[in-house]
Amino acid sequence: MSPASTPYAAGPRRRPRILRWVLLALLIVPVVEVAAIIGVGKVIGGWPTLLLLVALSIAGAWLLRREGTRTWRALSEALRTGQMPSREIADGALVLVGGTLLLLPGFLTDVVGFLLVLPVTRPLFRGLLAAAVAKRLLGDAVSTAGRSDRPSGPTVIEGEVVD
């Protein structure tokens, strides 16, 4: 079996692209956060900015604890009743990522974290997460599922044989 025909042949090509996005985010997000903190500090002052960051952290920790507990109970209930806990697992992942963002200092990460953790806005992100997971797991099958221009059998090339 050649290396190109192994089931993991596409893996190494995907990882660098994802790694590039992560590295780019690790470089850009802190710069944008510092710029936002400086901008807010210029408008409302240094001490009020610090107090606002602390208040956002406290509110984020409280919300994270409340929504984390609520999500855990919903997951336990779904498992206890034998239901497929796909919604609860997605909520758990969103609360985990949102909580991580809420624990980071900064205004922009707090806004995104609150959007991921709040039960009012979470369904929007749940749909985006489901679409991303489906695309990742099913690959090209999702994008070509309903297309009729794709042949259903073997490819036949018509022609004539010339001696």
Protein backbone atom coordinates (compact mmCIF):
# COMPACT_ATOMS: atom_id res chain seq x y z
CA MET A 1 0.00 0.00 0.00
CA SER A 2 1.49 3.35 -1.00
CA PRO A 3 1.58 6.26 1.48
CA ALA A 4 -0.92 8.19 -0.62
CA SER A 5 -3.51 5.40 -0.37
CA THR A 6 -3.45 5.10 3.42
CA PRO A 7 -6.58 6.25 5.22
CA TYR A 8 -4.58 8.91 7.03
CA ALA A 9 -3.01 10.45 3.93
CA ALA A 10 -5.16 13.60 4.16
CA GLY A 11 -4.37 14.12 7.86
CA PRO A 12 -0.93 15.72 7.59
CA ARG A 13 -2.14 18.19 4.97
CA ARG A 14 -4.98 19.41 7.22
CA ARG A 15 -2.98 19.82 10.40
CA PRO A 16 -0.61 22.55 9.18
CA ARG A 17 -3.55 24.63 7.98
CA ILE A 18 -5.26 24.36 11.37
CA LEU A 19 -1.96 24.92 13.12
CA ARG A 20 -1.43 28.09 11.09
CA TRP A 21 -4.82 29.44 12.18
CA VAL A 22 -4.10 28.64 15.83
CA LEU A 23 -0.68 30.29 15.68
CA LEU A 24 -2.16 33.31 13.93
CA ALA A 25 -4.85 33.60 16.61
CA LEU A 26 -2.22 33.27 19.37
CA LEU A 27 -0.37 36.20 17.83
CA ILE A 28 -3.28 38.45 16.91
CA VAL A 29 -5.70 38.00 19.84
CA PRO A 30 -3.34 39.33 22.56
CA VAL A 31 -2.45 42.35 20.44
CA VAL A 32 -6.11 43.13 19.79
CA GLU A 33 -6.97 42.59 23.49
CA VAL A 34 -4.22 44.96 24.66
CA ALA A 35 -5.37 47.55 22.11
CA ALA A 36 -8.97 47.18 23.35
CA ILE A 37 -7.93 47.52 26.99
CA ILE A 38 -5.87 50.63 26.19
CA GLY A 39 -8.75 52.08 24.18
CA VAL A 40 -11.25 51.48 26.98
CA GLY A 41 -8.73 52.85 29.48
CA LYS A 42 -8.41 56.08 27.49
CA VAL A 43 -12.18 56.50 27.47
CA ILE A 44 -13.11 55.61 31.06
CA GLY A 45 -9.74 55.70 32.85
CA GLY A 46 -7.30 53.12 34.16
CA TRP A 47 -8.92 52.13 37.47
CA PRO A 48 -12.45 51.83 36.06
CA THR A 49 -11.04 49.67 33.25
CA LEU A 50 -9.35 47.39 35.77
CA LEU A 51 -12.54 47.20 37.84
CA LEU A 52 -14.55 46.42 34.70
CA LEU A 53 -12.16 43.58 33.80
CA VAL A 54 -12.46 42.16 37.33
CA ALA A 55 -16.27 42.49 37.26
CA LEU A 56 -16.43 40.73 33.89
CA SER A 57 -14.24 37.93 35.25
CA ILE A 58 -16.47 37.49 38.30
CA ALA A 59 -19.64 37.54 36.20
CA GLY A 60 -18.08 35.10 33.73
CA ALA A 61 -17.06 32.69 36.49
CA TRP A 62 -20.56 32.80 37.98
CA LEU A 63 -22.20 32.24 34.59
CA LEU A 64 -19.76 29.48 33.73
CA ARG A 65 -20.53 27.65 36.96
CA ARG A 66 -24.29 28.01 36.48
CA GLU A 67 -24.35 26.96 32.82
CA GLY A 68 -21.77 24.23 33.35
CA THR A 69 -23.90 22.71 36.10
CA ARG A 70 -27.05 23.04 33.99
CA THR A 71 -25.35 21.42 30.99
CA TRP A 72 -23.97 18.57 33.12
CA ARG A 73 -27.44 17.88 34.55
CA ALA A 74 -28.97 17.86 31.07
CA LEU A 75 -26.30 15.44 29.85
CA SER A 76 -26.83 13.15 32.84
CA GLU A 77 -30.60 13.20 32.32
CA ALA A 78 -30.27 12.38 28.61
CA LEU A 79 -27.96 9.48 29.38
CA ARG A 80 -30.21 8.24 32.17
CA THR A 81 -33.28 8.21 29.91
CA GLY A 82 -31.40 6.58 27.03
CA GLN A 83 -31.65 9.54 24.65
CA MET A 84 -28.90 10.48 22.23
CA PRO A 85 -27.13 13.38 24.02
CA SER A 86 -25.89 15.19 20.90
CA ARG A 87 -27.33 18.56 21.92
CA GLU A 88 -25.99 18.21 25.45
CA ILE A 89 -22.52 17.26 24.22
CA ALA A 90 -22.48 20.26 21.87
CA ASP A 91 -23.60 22.53 24.73
CA GLY A 92 -20.87 21.08 26.93
CA ALA A 93 -18.22 21.78 24.31
CA LEU A 94 -19.48 25.34 23.79
CA VAL A 95 -19.59 26.02 27.53
CA LEU A 96 -16.06 24.64 27.88
CA VAL A 97 -14.66 26.83 25.11
CA GLY A 98 -16.67 29.85 26.25
CA GLY A 99 -15.55 29.35 29.83
CA THR A 100 -11.93 29.20 28.74
CA LEU A 101 -12.37 32.48 26.89
CA LEU A 102 -14.09 34.03 29.91
CA LEU A 103 -11.12 33.14 32.10
CA LEU A 104 -8.71 34.95 29.79
CA PRO A 105 -8.28 38.64 30.59
CA GLY A 106 -9.69 40.96 27.96
CA PHE A 107 -12.86 42.42 26.57
CA LEU A 108 -13.06 40.67 23.20
CA THR A 109 -12.48 37.17 24.58
CA ASP A 110 -15.10 37.94 27.24
CA VAL A 111 -17.65 38.96 24.61
CA VAL A 112 -17.09 35.77 22.60
CA GLY A 113 -17.06 33.71 25.81
CA PHE A 114 -20.36 35.18 26.97
CA LEU A 115 -21.91 34.51 23.55
CA LEU A 116 -20.85 30.86 23.74
CA VAL A 117 -21.98 30.35 27.34
CA LEU A 118 -25.27 32.27 27.42
CA PRO A 119 -28.23 29.95 26.80
CA VAL A 120 -29.89 32.58 24.59
CA THR A 121 -27.08 32.74 22.03
CA ARG A 122 -25.73 29.19 22.34
CA PRO A 123 -28.19 27.61 19.83
CA LEU A 124 -26.68 29.71 17.01
CA PHE A 125 -23.21 28.41 17.79
CA ARG A 126 -24.55 24.89 18.32
CA GLY A 127 -25.73 24.89 14.70
CA LEU A 128 -22.37 26.15 13.48
CA LEU A 129 -20.58 23.51 15.55
CA ALA A 130 -22.83 20.75 14.17
CA ALA A 131 -22.15 21.88 10.60
CA ALA A 132 -18.38 22.01 11.22
CA VAL A 133 -18.34 18.55 12.80
CA ALA A 134 -20.48 17.09 10.01
CA LYS A 135 -18.19 18.58 7.37
CA ARG A 136 -15.09 17.30 9.17
CA LEU A 137 -16.46 13.79 9.72
CA LEU A 138 -18.27 13.29 6.44
CA GLY A 139 -15.92 15.31 4.26
CA ASP A 140 -16.94 15.59 0.66
CA ALA A 141 -19.98 13.35 1.13
CA VAL A 142 -21.88 16.24 2.75
CA SER A 143 -21.26 18.66 -0.10
CA THR A 144 -22.12 16.15 -2.85
CA ALA A 145 -25.03 14.33 -1.18
CA GLY A 146 -27.86 15.88 -3.18
CA ARG A 147 -26.12 16.53 -6.49
CA SER A 148 -27.57 14.82 -9.54
CA ASP A 149 -24.64 15.58 -11.87
CA ARG A 150 -22.57 12.91 -10.17
CA PRO A 151 -22.65 9.52 -11.98
CA SER A 152 -24.18 6.71 -9.98
CA GLY A 153 -22.23 3.85 -11.60
CA PRO A 154 -18.84 3.22 -13.13
CA THR A 155 -17.49 5.81 -15.54
CA VAL A 156 -17.96 4.75 -19.17
CA ILE A 157 -15.93 6.37 -21.91
CA GLU A 158 -17.33 5.76 -25.36
CA GLY A 159 -15.08 5.57 -28.38
CA GLU A 160 -13.76 3.29 -31.08
CA VAL A 161 -10.66 1.19 -31.29
CA VAL A 162 -8.35 2.02 -34.15
CA ASP A 163 -5.66 -0.49 -35.25
